[in-house]
Amino acid sequence: MAKRMRIAYDKEGDVLDLSIGKPKKAISREIDDDFFVRFDPVTGKVVGFSILNFERWFKDLKDVKEIPIAGSFELVKS
């Protein structure tokens, strides 16, 4: 069964959170300033991403931040 991506933004904390499937316990690793990848501690699979200081990084829609992530995604009908 395909997992859904959950996107949440905490304006007070200025954190954007992307979870693959339901949020769960994970180990976070900072891969660039304020950019984190979350891993399942048992399987080692990526379960989400977090961006701290989101508005600072993306205050202008022209702003782009590239992070070194490779993956495969699939869009499925719900």
PDB file of N, CA and C in Angstrom:
ATOM      1  N   MET A   1       0.839  -1.181   0.000  1.00  0.00           N
ATOM      2  CA  MET A   1       0.000   0.000   0.000  1.00  0.00           C
ATOM      3  C   MET A   1       0.885   1.246   0.000  1.00  0.00           C
ATOM      4  N   ALA A   2       0.533   2.197  -0.824  1.00  0.00           N
ATOM      5  CA  ALA A   2       1.298   3.436  -0.913  1.00  0.00           C
ATOM      6  C   ALA A   2       1.097   4.279   0.342  1.00  0.00           C
ATOM      7  N   LYS A   3       2.155   4.977   0.732  1.00  0.00           N
ATOM      8  CA  LYS A   3       2.078   5.869   1.891  1.00  0.00           C
ATOM      9  C   LYS A   3       1.766   7.278   1.412  1.00  0.00           C
ATOM     10  N   ARG A   4       1.078   8.007   2.238  1.00  0.00           N
ATOM     11  CA  ARG A   4       0.772   9.399   1.929  1.00  0.00           C
ATOM     12  C   ARG A   4       1.836  10.293   2.551  1.00  0.00           C
ATOM     13  N   MET A   5       2.061  11.432   1.918  1.00  0.00           N
ATOM     14  CA  MET A   5       2.989  12.404   2.477  1.00  0.00           C
ATOM     15  C   MET A   5       2.185  13.428   3.269  1.00  0.00           C
ATOM     16  N   ARG A   6       2.594  13.669   4.495  1.00  0.00           N
ATOM     17  CA  ARG A   6       1.947  14.645   5.368  1.00  0.00           C
ATOM     18  C   ARG A   6       2.842  15.870   5.429  1.00  0.00           C
ATOM     19  N   ILE A   7       2.265  17.046   5.187  1.00  0.00           N
ATOM     20  CA  ILE A   7       3.020  18.298   5.219  1.00  0.00           C
ATOM     21  C   ILE A   7       2.396  19.178   6.285  1.00  0.00           C
ATOM     22  N   ALA A   8       3.214  19.646   7.222  1.00  0.00           N
ATOM     23  CA  ALA A   8       2.717  20.503   8.300  1.00  0.00           C
ATOM     24  C   ALA A   8       3.691  21.661   8.494  1.00  0.00           C
ATOM     25  N   TYR A   9       3.120  22.809   8.855  1.00  0.00           N
ATOM     26  CA  TYR A   9       3.948  23.983   9.116  1.00  0.00           C
ATOM     27  C   TYR A   9       3.585  24.550  10.474  1.00  0.00           C
ATOM     28  N   ASP A  10       4.582  24.735  11.318  1.00  0.00           N
ATOM     29  CA  ASP A  10       4.417  25.359  12.631  1.00  0.00           C
ATOM     30  C   ASP A  10       4.916  26.795  12.506  1.00  0.00           C
ATOM     31  N   LYS A  11       3.968  27.740  12.379  1.00  0.00           N
ATOM     32  CA  LYS A  11       4.347  29.142  12.163  1.00  0.00           C
ATOM     33  C   LYS A  11       5.119  29.704  13.353  1.00  0.00           C
ATOM     34  N   GLU A  12       4.681  29.382  14.571  1.00  0.00           N
ATOM     35  CA  GLU A  12       5.361  29.906  15.766  1.00  0.00           C
ATOM     36  C   GLU A  12       6.809  29.427  15.841  1.00  0.00           C
ATOM     37  N   GLY A  13       7.040  28.170  15.544  1.00  0.00           N
ATOM     38  CA  GLY A  13       8.399  27.630  15.568  1.00  0.00           C
ATOM     39  C   GLY A  13       9.132  27.805  14.252  1.00  0.00           C
ATOM     40  N   ASP A  14       8.391  28.212  13.190  1.00  0.00           N
ATOM     41  CA  ASP A  14       8.920  28.384  11.838  1.00  0.00           C
ATOM     42  C   ASP A  14       9.600  27.108  11.342  1.00  0.00           C
ATOM     43  N   VAL A  15       8.840  25.994  11.433  1.00  0.00           N
ATOM     44  CA  VAL A  15       9.352  24.683  11.026  1.00  0.00           C
ATOM     45  C   VAL A  15       8.389  24.058  10.022  1.00  0.00           C
ATOM     46  N   LEU A  16       8.918  23.641   8.871  1.00  0.00           N
ATOM     47  CA  LEU A  16       8.148  22.872   7.902  1.00  0.00           C
ATOM     48  C   LEU A  16       8.518  21.414   8.105  1.00  0.00           C
ATOM     49  N   ASP A  17       7.493  20.568   8.190  1.00  0.00           N
ATOM     50  CA  ASP A  17       7.724  19.150   8.434  1.00  0.00           C
ATOM     51  C   ASP A  17       7.025  18.329   7.357  1.00  0.00           C
ATOM     52  N   LEU A  18       7.761  17.424   6.736  1.00  0.00           N
ATOM     53  CA  LEU A  18       7.207  16.509   5.740  1.00  0.00           C
ATOM     54  C   LEU A  18       7.408  15.094   6.270  1.00  0.00           C
ATOM     55  N   SER A  19       6.312  14.357   6.398  1.00  0.00           N
ATOM     56  CA  SER A  19       6.392  12.980   6.877  1.00  0.00           C
ATOM     57  C   SER A  19       5.893  12.044   5.793  1.00  0.00           C
ATOM     58  N   ILE A  20       6.607  10.961   5.588  1.00  0.00           N
ATOM     59  CA  ILE A  20       6.194   9.936   4.642  1.00  0.00           C
ATOM     60  C   ILE A  20       5.459   8.884   5.468  1.00  0.00           C
ATOM     61  N   GLY A  21       4.172   8.783   5.240  1.00  0.00           N
ATOM     62  CA  GLY A  21       3.343   7.922   6.079  1.00  0.00           C
ATOM     63  C   GLY A  21       3.014   8.647   7.374  1.00  0.00           C
ATOM     64  N   LYS A  22       2.490   7.909   8.339  1.00  0.00           N
ATOM     65  CA  LYS A  22       2.144   8.498   9.627  1.00  0.00           C
ATOM     66  C   LYS A  22       3.416   8.875  10.375  1.00  0.00           C
ATOM     67  N   PRO A  23       3.417  10.029  11.053  1.00  0.00           N
ATOM     68  CA  PRO A  23       4.599  10.418  11.820  1.00  0.00           C
ATOM     69  C   PRO A  23       4.930   9.348  12.873  1.00  0.00           C
ATOM     70  N   LYS A  24       6.218   9.089  13.065  1.00  0.00           N
ATOM     71  CA  LYS A  24       6.652   8.119  14.065  1.00  0.00           C
ATOM     72  C   LYS A  24       8.026   8.498  14.579  1.00  0.00           C
ATOM     73  N   LYS A  25       8.469   7.781  15.607  1.00  0.00           N
ATOM     74  CA  LYS A  25       9.792   8.044  16.167  1.00  0.00           C
ATOM     75  C   LYS A  25      10.845   7.866  15.090  1.00  0.00           C
ATOM     76  N   ALA A  26      11.816   8.761  15.115  1.00  0.00           N
ATOM     77  CA  ALA A  26      12.856   8.721  14.093  1.00  0.00           C
ATOM     78  C   ALA A  26      14.138   9.335  14.625  1.00  0.00           C
ATOM     79  N   ILE A  27      15.203   9.080  13.907  1.00  0.00           N
ATOM     80  CA  ILE A  27      16.505   9.688  14.182  1.00  0.00           C
ATOM     81  C   ILE A  27      16.711  10.760  13.125  1.00  0.00           C
ATOM     82  N   SER A  28      17.031  11.972  13.557  1.00  0.00           N
ATOM     83  CA  SER A  28      17.239  13.080  12.618  1.00  0.00           C
ATOM     84  C   SER A  28      18.720  13.294  12.371  1.00  0.00           C
ATOM     85  N   ARG A  29      19.027  13.644  11.140  1.00  0.00           N
ATOM     86  CA  ARG A  29      20.409  13.964  10.771  1.00  0.00           C
ATOM     87  C   ARG A  29      20.395  15.258   9.978  1.00  0.00           C
ATOM     88  N   GLU A  30      21.153  16.244  10.436  1.00  0.00           N
ATOM     89  CA  GLU A  30      21.236  17.516   9.725  1.00  0.00           C
ATOM     90  C   GLU A  30      22.128  17.324   8.507  1.00  0.00           C
ATOM     91  N   ILE A  31      21.568  17.609   7.332  1.00  0.00           N
ATOM     92  CA  ILE A  31      22.341  17.426   6.101  1.00  0.00           C
ATOM     93  C   ILE A  31      22.828  18.743   5.527  1.00  0.00           C
ATOM     94  N   ASP A  32      22.307  19.835   6.045  1.00  0.00           N
ATOM     95  CA  ASP A  32      22.731  21.186   5.676  1.00  0.00           C
ATOM     96  C   ASP A  32      22.171  22.088   6.760  1.00  0.00           C
ATOM     97  N   ASP A  33      22.606  23.331   6.819  1.00  0.00           N
ATOM     98  CA  ASP A  33      22.097  24.238   7.848  1.00  0.00           C
ATOM     99  C   ASP A  33      20.571  24.235   7.852  1.00  0.00           C
ATOM    100  N   ASP A  34      19.979  23.847   8.975  1.00  0.00           N
ATOM    101  CA  ASP A  34      18.524  23.856   9.195  1.00  0.00           C
ATOM    102  C   ASP A  34      17.747  22.822   8.387  1.00  0.00           C
ATOM    103  N   PHE A  35      18.391  21.946   7.654  1.00  0.00           N
ATOM    104  CA  PHE A  35      17.720  20.918   6.856  1.00  0.00           C
ATOM    105  C   PHE A  35      18.037  19.535   7.434  1.00  0.00           C
ATOM    106  N   PHE A  36      16.973  18.820   7.811  1.00  0.00           N
ATOM    107  CA  PHE A  36      17.123  17.530   8.476  1.00  0.00           C
ATOM    108  C   PHE A  36      16.402  16.428   7.704  1.00  0.00           C
ATOM    109  N   VAL A  37      16.986  15.245   7.697  1.00  0.00           N
ATOM    110  CA  VAL A  37      16.336  14.041   7.184  1.00  0.00           C
ATOM    111  C   VAL A  37      16.077  13.158   8.388  1.00  0.00           C
ATOM    112  N   ARG A  38      14.864  12.570   8.440  1.00  0.00           N
ATOM    113  CA  ARG A  38      14.515  11.674   9.549  1.00  0.00           C
ATOM    114  C   ARG A  38      14.500  10.231   9.050  1.00  0.00           C
ATOM    115  N   PHE A  39      15.149   9.353   9.828  1.00  0.00           N
ATOM    116  CA  PHE A  39      15.262   7.944   9.482  1.00  0.00           C
ATOM    117  C   PHE A  39      14.563   7.079  10.519  1.00  0.00           C
ATOM    118  N   ASP A  40      13.949   5.987  10.066  1.00  0.00           N
ATOM    119  CA  ASP A  40      13.412   4.985  10.980  1.00  0.00           C
ATOM    120  C   ASP A  40      14.614   4.320  11.645  1.00  0.00           C
ATOM    121  N   PRO A  41      14.665   4.277  12.994  1.00  0.00           N
ATOM    122  CA  PRO A  41      15.838   3.715  13.664  1.00  0.00           C
ATOM    123  C   PRO A  41      16.011   2.211  13.450  1.00  0.00           C
ATOM    124  N   VAL A  42      14.956   1.517  13.064  1.00  0.00           N
ATOM    125  CA  VAL A  42      15.033   0.066  12.855  1.00  0.00           C
ATOM    126  C   VAL A  42      15.408  -0.265  11.422  1.00  0.00           C
ATOM    127  N   THR A  43      14.700   0.328  10.458  1.00  0.00           N
ATOM    128  CA  THR A  43      14.916  -0.022   9.051  1.00  0.00           C
ATOM    129  C   THR A  43      15.950   0.850   8.356  1.00  0.00           C
ATOM    130  N   GLY A  44      16.185   2.051   8.893  1.00  0.00           N
ATOM    131  CA  GLY A  44      17.101   2.990   8.254  1.00  0.00           C
ATOM    132  C   GLY A  44      16.480   3.731   7.083  1.00  0.00           C
ATOM    133  N   LYS A  45      15.187   3.491   6.807  1.00  0.00           N
ATOM    134  CA  LYS A  45      14.513   4.156   5.697  1.00  0.00           C
ATOM    135  C   LYS A  45      14.151   5.594   6.070  1.00  0.00           C
ATOM    136  N   VAL A  46      14.156   6.463   5.073  1.00  0.00           N
ATOM    137  CA  VAL A  46      13.763   7.854   5.276  1.00  0.00           C
ATOM    138  C   VAL A  46      12.265   7.904   5.564  1.00  0.00           C
ATOM    139  N   VAL A  47      11.902   8.602   6.651  1.00  0.00           N
ATOM    140  CA  VAL A  47      10.487   8.735   7.018  1.00  0.00           C
ATOM    141  C   VAL A  47      10.029  10.191   6.992  1.00  0.00           C
ATOM    142  N   GLY A  48      10.949  11.121   6.725  1.00  0.00           N
ATOM    143  CA  GLY A  48      10.528  12.512   6.647  1.00  0.00           C
ATOM    144  C   GLY A  48      11.680  13.488   6.558  1.00  0.00           C
ATOM    145  N   PHE A  49      11.283  14.748   6.473  1.00  0.00           N
ATOM    146  CA  PHE A  49      12.224  15.848   6.362  1.00  0.00           C
ATOM    147  C   PHE A  49      11.721  16.993   7.220  1.00  0.00           C
ATOM    148  N   SER A  50      12.614  17.788   7.756  1.00  0.00           N
ATOM    149  CA  SER A  50      12.241  18.991   8.499  1.00  0.00           C
ATOM    150  C   SER A  50      13.137  20.133   8.050  1.00  0.00           C
ATOM    151  N   ILE A  51      12.525  21.318   7.953  1.00  0.00           N
ATOM    152  CA  ILE A  51      13.274  22.522   7.608  1.00  0.00           C
ATOM    153  C   ILE A  51      13.016  23.540   8.703  1.00  0.00           C
ATOM    154  N   LEU A  52      14.068  23.882   9.445  1.00  0.00           N
ATOM    155  CA  LEU A  52      13.974  24.908  10.474  1.00  0.00           C
ATOM    156  C   LEU A  52      14.141  26.277   9.815  1.00  0.00           C
ATOM    157  N   ASN A  53      13.604  27.297  10.462  1.00  0.00           N
ATOM    158  CA  ASN A  53      13.702  28.671   9.934  1.00  0.00           C
ATOM    159  C   ASN A  53      13.198  28.738   8.491  1.00  0.00           C
ATOM    160  N   PHE A  54      12.075  28.081   8.252  1.00  0.00           N
ATOM    161  CA  PHE A  54      11.527  27.958   6.904  1.00  0.00           C
ATOM    162  C   PHE A  54      11.301  29.309   6.233  1.00  0.00           C
ATOM    163  N   GLU A  55      10.680  30.250   6.937  1.00  0.00           N
ATOM    164  CA  GLU A  55      10.408  31.558   6.322  1.00  0.00           C
ATOM    165  C   GLU A  55      11.695  32.302   5.982  1.00  0.00           C
ATOM    166  N   ARG A  56      12.723  32.115   6.788  1.00  0.00           N
ATOM    167  CA  ARG A  56      13.999  32.774   6.480  1.00  0.00           C
ATOM    168  C   ARG A  56      14.582  32.224   5.179  1.00  0.00           C
ATOM    169  N   TRP A  57      14.502  30.919   5.004  1.00  0.00           N
ATOM    170  CA  TRP A  57      15.064  30.303   3.800  1.00  0.00           C
ATOM    171  C   TRP A  57      14.221  30.582   2.564  1.00  0.00           C
ATOM    172  N   PHE A  58      12.895  30.669   2.733  1.00  0.00           N
ATOM    173  CA  PHE A  58      12.006  30.756   1.576  1.00  0.00           C
ATOM    174  C   PHE A  58      11.069  31.954   1.653  1.00  0.00           C
ATOM    175  N   LYS A  59      11.569  33.074   2.134  1.00  0.00           N
ATOM    176  CA  LYS A  59      10.731  34.276   2.252  1.00  0.00           C
ATOM    177  C   LYS A  59      10.310  34.811   0.891  1.00  0.00           C
ATOM    178  N   ASP A  60      11.059  34.507  -0.122  1.00  0.00           N
ATOM    179  CA  ASP A  60      10.772  34.948  -1.481  1.00  0.00           C
ATOM    180  C   ASP A  60      10.637  33.696  -2.350  1.00  0.00           C
ATOM    181  N   LEU A  61       9.608  33.618  -3.147  1.00  0.00           N
ATOM    182  CA  LEU A  61       9.400  32.427  -3.968  1.00  0.00           C
ATOM    183  C   LEU A  61      10.530  32.176  -4.953  1.00  0.00           C
ATOM    184  N   LYS A  62      11.385  33.173  -5.154  1.00  0.00           N
ATOM    185  CA  LYS A  62      12.525  32.995  -6.047  1.00  0.00           C
ATOM    186  C   LYS A  62      13.675  32.270  -5.338  1.00  0.00           C
ATOM    187  N   ASP A  63      13.603  32.219  -3.986  1.00  0.00           N
ATOM    188  CA  ASP A  63      14.658  31.553  -3.221  1.00  0.00           C
ATOM    189  C   ASP A  63      14.639  30.058  -3.500  1.00  0.00           C
ATOM    190  N   VAL A  64      15.811  29.489  -3.695  1.00  0.00           N
ATOM    191  CA  VAL A  64      15.947  28.057  -3.934  1.00  0.00           C
ATOM    192  C   VAL A  64      17.040  27.533  -3.030  1.00  0.00           C
ATOM    193  N   LYS A  65      16.797  26.396  -2.425  1.00  0.00           N
ATOM    194  CA  LYS A  65      17.805  25.735  -1.601  1.00  0.00           C
ATOM    195  C   LYS A  65      17.880  24.299  -2.073  1.00  0.00           C
ATOM    196  N   GLU A  66      19.030  23.867  -2.508  1.00  0.00           N
ATOM    197  CA  GLU A  66      19.205  22.496  -2.962  1.00  0.00           C
ATOM    198  C   GLU A  66      19.868  21.683  -1.867  1.00  0.00           C
ATOM    199  N   ILE A  67      19.340  20.474  -1.673  1.00  0.00           N
ATOM    200  CA  ILE A  67      19.931  19.569  -0.689  1.00  0.00           C
ATOM    201  C   ILE A  67      20.237  18.241  -1.375  1.00  0.00           C
ATOM    202  N   PRO A  68      21.283  17.557  -0.938  1.00  0.00           N
ATOM    203  CA  PRO A  68      21.739  16.344  -1.633  1.00  0.00           C
ATOM    204  C   PRO A  68      20.914  15.113  -1.278  1.00  0.00           C
ATOM    205  N   ILE A  69      19.746  14.991  -1.897  1.00  0.00           N
ATOM    206  CA  ILE A  69      18.884  13.842  -1.626  1.00  0.00           C
ATOM    207  C   ILE A  69      18.505  13.197  -2.948  1.00  0.00           C
ATOM    208  N   ALA A  70      18.616  11.882  -3.008  1.00  0.00           N
ATOM    209  CA  ALA A  70      18.151  11.125  -4.164  1.00  0.00           C
ATOM    210  C   ALA A  70      17.033  10.220  -3.675  1.00  0.00           C
ATOM    211  N   GLY A  71      16.009  10.080  -4.455  1.00  0.00           N
ATOM    212  CA  GLY A  71      14.908   9.215  -4.042  1.00  0.00           C
ATOM    213  C   GLY A  71      13.985   8.953  -5.206  1.00  0.00           C
ATOM    214  N   SER A  72      13.019   8.108  -4.949  1.00  0.00           N
ATOM    215  CA  SER A  72      12.015   7.855  -5.974  1.00  0.00           C
ATOM    216  C   SER A  72      10.652   8.081  -5.350  1.00  0.00           C
ATOM    217  N   PHE A  73       9.791   8.718  -6.101  1.00  0.00           N
ATOM    218  CA  PHE A  73       8.455   9.033  -5.642  1.00  0.00           C
ATOM    219  C   PHE A  73       7.467   8.556  -6.680  1.00  0.00           C
ATOM    220  N   GLU A  74       6.281   8.281  -6.222  1.00  0.00           N
ATOM    221  CA  GLU A  74       5.230   7.791  -7.095  1.00  0.00           C
ATOM    222  C   GLU A  74       3.918   8.421  -6.649  1.00  0.00           C
ATOM    223  N   LEU A  75       3.143   8.910  -7.593  1.00  0.00           N
ATOM    224  CA  LEU A  75       1.843   9.483  -7.272  1.00  0.00           C
ATOM    225  C   LEU A  75       0.792   8.399  -7.524  1.00  0.00           C
ATOM    226  N   VAL A  76      -0.011   8.145  -6.511  1.00  0.00           N
ATOM    227  CA  VAL A  76      -1.039   7.112  -6.636  1.00  0.00           C
ATOM    228  C   VAL A  76      -2.405   7.728  -6.423  1.00  0.00           C
ATOM    229  N   LYS A  77      -3.410   7.171  -7.048  1.00  0.00           N
ATOM    230  CA  LYS A  77      -4.779   7.654  -6.851  1.00  0.00           C
ATOM    231  C   LYS A  77      -5.259   7.203  -5.484  1.00  0.00           C
ATOM    232  N   SER A  78      -5.976   8.092  -4.799  1.00  0.00           N
ATOM    233  CA  SER A  78      -6.478   7.723  -3.473  1.00  0.00           C
ATOM    234  C   SER A  78      -7.892   7.202  -3.558  1.00  0.00           C
TER     235      SER A  78
END
